[in-house]
Protein backbone atom coordinates (compact mmCIF):
# COMPACT_ATOMS: atom_id res chain seq x y z
CA GLN A 1 88.70 95.28 135.15
CA VAL A 2 90.24 95.67 131.24
CA GLN A 3 89.28 98.43 129.07
CA LEU A 4 89.99 98.81 125.25
CA VAL A 5 90.21 101.99 123.96
CA GLU A 6 89.86 102.19 120.05
CA SER A 7 91.24 105.21 118.01
CA GLY A 8 92.23 106.22 114.11
CA GLY A 9 88.79 106.11 112.52
CA GLY A 10 87.75 109.05 110.47
CA LEU A 11 86.27 109.50 106.75
CA VAL A 12 88.29 108.52 104.15
CA GLN A 13 87.20 108.66 100.32
CA PRO A 14 87.89 104.91 98.42
CA GLY A 15 90.85 103.81 98.00
CA GLY A 16 92.07 105.53 100.67
CA SER A 17 93.80 104.20 103.95
CA LEU A 18 93.17 104.57 107.57
CA ARG A 19 95.38 102.86 110.61
CA LEU A 20 93.00 102.26 113.50
CA SER A 21 94.57 101.67 116.77
CA CYS A 22 93.42 99.71 120.00
CA ALA A 23 94.75 100.44 123.54
CA ALA A 24 94.18 97.61 126.28
CA SER A 25 94.72 97.18 129.78
CA GLY A 26 95.26 94.33 131.73
CA ARG A 27 98.65 92.29 132.79
CA THR A 28 98.02 88.55 130.44
CA PHE A 29 97.36 90.73 127.41
CA SER A 30 100.36 88.87 125.46
CA GLY A 31 98.98 86.12 126.55
CA TRP A 32 95.57 86.87 124.31
CA THR A 33 94.54 86.05 120.95
CA MET A 34 93.35 89.63 119.60
CA GLY A 35 91.00 90.57 116.92
CA TRP A 36 88.99 92.95 115.30
CA PHE A 37 85.36 93.37 114.98
CA ARG A 38 82.90 96.11 112.40
CA GLN A 39 79.28 96.92 112.89
CA ALA A 40 77.38 98.59 109.63
CA PRO A 41 74.32 100.47 110.97
CA GLY A 42 71.33 97.72 110.88
CA LYS A 43 73.71 94.65 111.07
CA GLU A 44 75.54 92.43 113.42
CA ARG A 45 78.82 92.65 114.61
CA LYS A 46 81.07 91.00 112.43
CA PHE A 47 84.74 89.38 112.44
CA VAL A 48 87.42 91.45 110.64
CA ALA A 49 90.77 89.86 111.64
CA ARG A 50 92.78 88.39 114.22
CA ILE A 51 96.26 87.81 115.52
CA SER A 52 97.36 85.07 117.70
CA THR A 53 99.59 84.95 120.52
CA GLY A 54 103.39 84.15 120.30
CA LEU A 55 104.28 83.82 116.55
CA GLY A 56 101.20 86.63 116.16
CA LEU A 57 99.95 84.59 113.47
CA THR A 58 97.17 86.17 111.34
CA TYR A 59 93.92 85.22 109.79
CA TYR A 60 91.17 87.72 107.87
CA ALA A 61 88.18 87.92 107.02
CA ASP A 62 87.70 87.11 102.92
CA SER A 63 86.01 90.96 102.61
CA VAL A 64 89.45 92.59 104.05
CA LYS A 65 91.95 89.71 102.95
CA GLY A 66 94.61 91.28 100.89
CA ARG A 67 93.55 94.89 101.80
CA PHE A 68 93.66 95.01 105.81
CA SER A 69 96.77 93.97 108.12
CA ILE A 70 96.42 93.47 111.66
CA SER A 71 99.04 93.84 113.98
CA ARG A 72 100.22 93.93 117.62
CA ASP A 73 102.69 95.63 120.01
CA ASN A 74 102.78 93.24 123.28
CA ALA A 75 105.07 95.97 124.93
CA LYS A 76 102.71 98.66 124.61
CA LYS A 77 99.35 96.54 124.99
CA MET A 78 98.16 97.89 121.50
CA VAL A 79 97.06 96.08 118.36
CA TYR A 80 96.51 98.07 115.30
CA LEU A 81 94.89 97.65 111.84
CA GLN A 82 96.18 98.99 108.94
CA MET A 83 93.37 99.44 106.71
CA ASN A 84 94.21 99.57 103.06
CA SER A 85 92.04 100.45 99.46
CA LEU A 86 89.08 100.96 101.38
CA LYS A 87 85.86 100.74 99.82
CA PRO A 88 81.91 102.26 100.90
CA GLU A 89 81.12 98.56 102.00
CA ASP A 90 83.88 99.03 104.67
CA SER A 91 82.15 101.99 106.87
CA ALA A 92 81.28 100.74 110.14
CA VAL A 93 82.44 101.03 113.74
CA TYR A 94 85.56 99.07 114.53
CA TYR A 95 85.95 97.22 117.71
CA CYS A 96 88.93 95.28 118.97
CA ASN A 97 88.48 92.44 121.38
CA THR A 98 89.59 88.84 122.55
CA VAL A 99 88.78 85.98 119.92
CA PRO A 100 86.56 85.06 120.61
CA PRO A 101 85.46 87.79 122.28
CA SER A 102 85.12 88.13 126.34
CA LEU A 103 85.93 91.49 127.30
CA ASP A 104 83.82 94.25 127.91
CA TRP A 105 83.16 96.15 124.37
CA GLY A 106 84.64 99.40 124.04
CA GLN A 107 83.34 102.53 122.03
CA GLY A 108 84.87 101.67 118.88
CA THR A 109 85.96 104.36 116.35
CA GLN A 110 84.11 105.28 113.29
CA VAL A 111 85.03 104.33 110.04
CA THR A 112 83.38 106.04 106.81
CA VAL A 113 84.14 105.60 102.99
CA SER A 114 82.68 108.22 100.98
CA SER A 115 83.29 110.47 98.02
């Protein structure tokens, strides 16, 4: 059973930075396109960023482009999301999963951007 465990969230002031981590189990991790998603209260879960296998090509939602950066370490089975210039509208629970999502969702990590 593949498990996803997100961490690194917290409370940060507008303009601040956070780095999220996602630990994944599973033998074929390196073969998965991985992504980050977020869900704000009362709203649907939305795509944030993805990183492909092989060349590690990245793609971002327009709302985070230029501020967020996704990366992966296949040897450690980890995916990261570096978030800079955070805005209050970035506040949400952040999740990782394959793209498109095919695994059970983890518990997520809460990001709150507030002064």
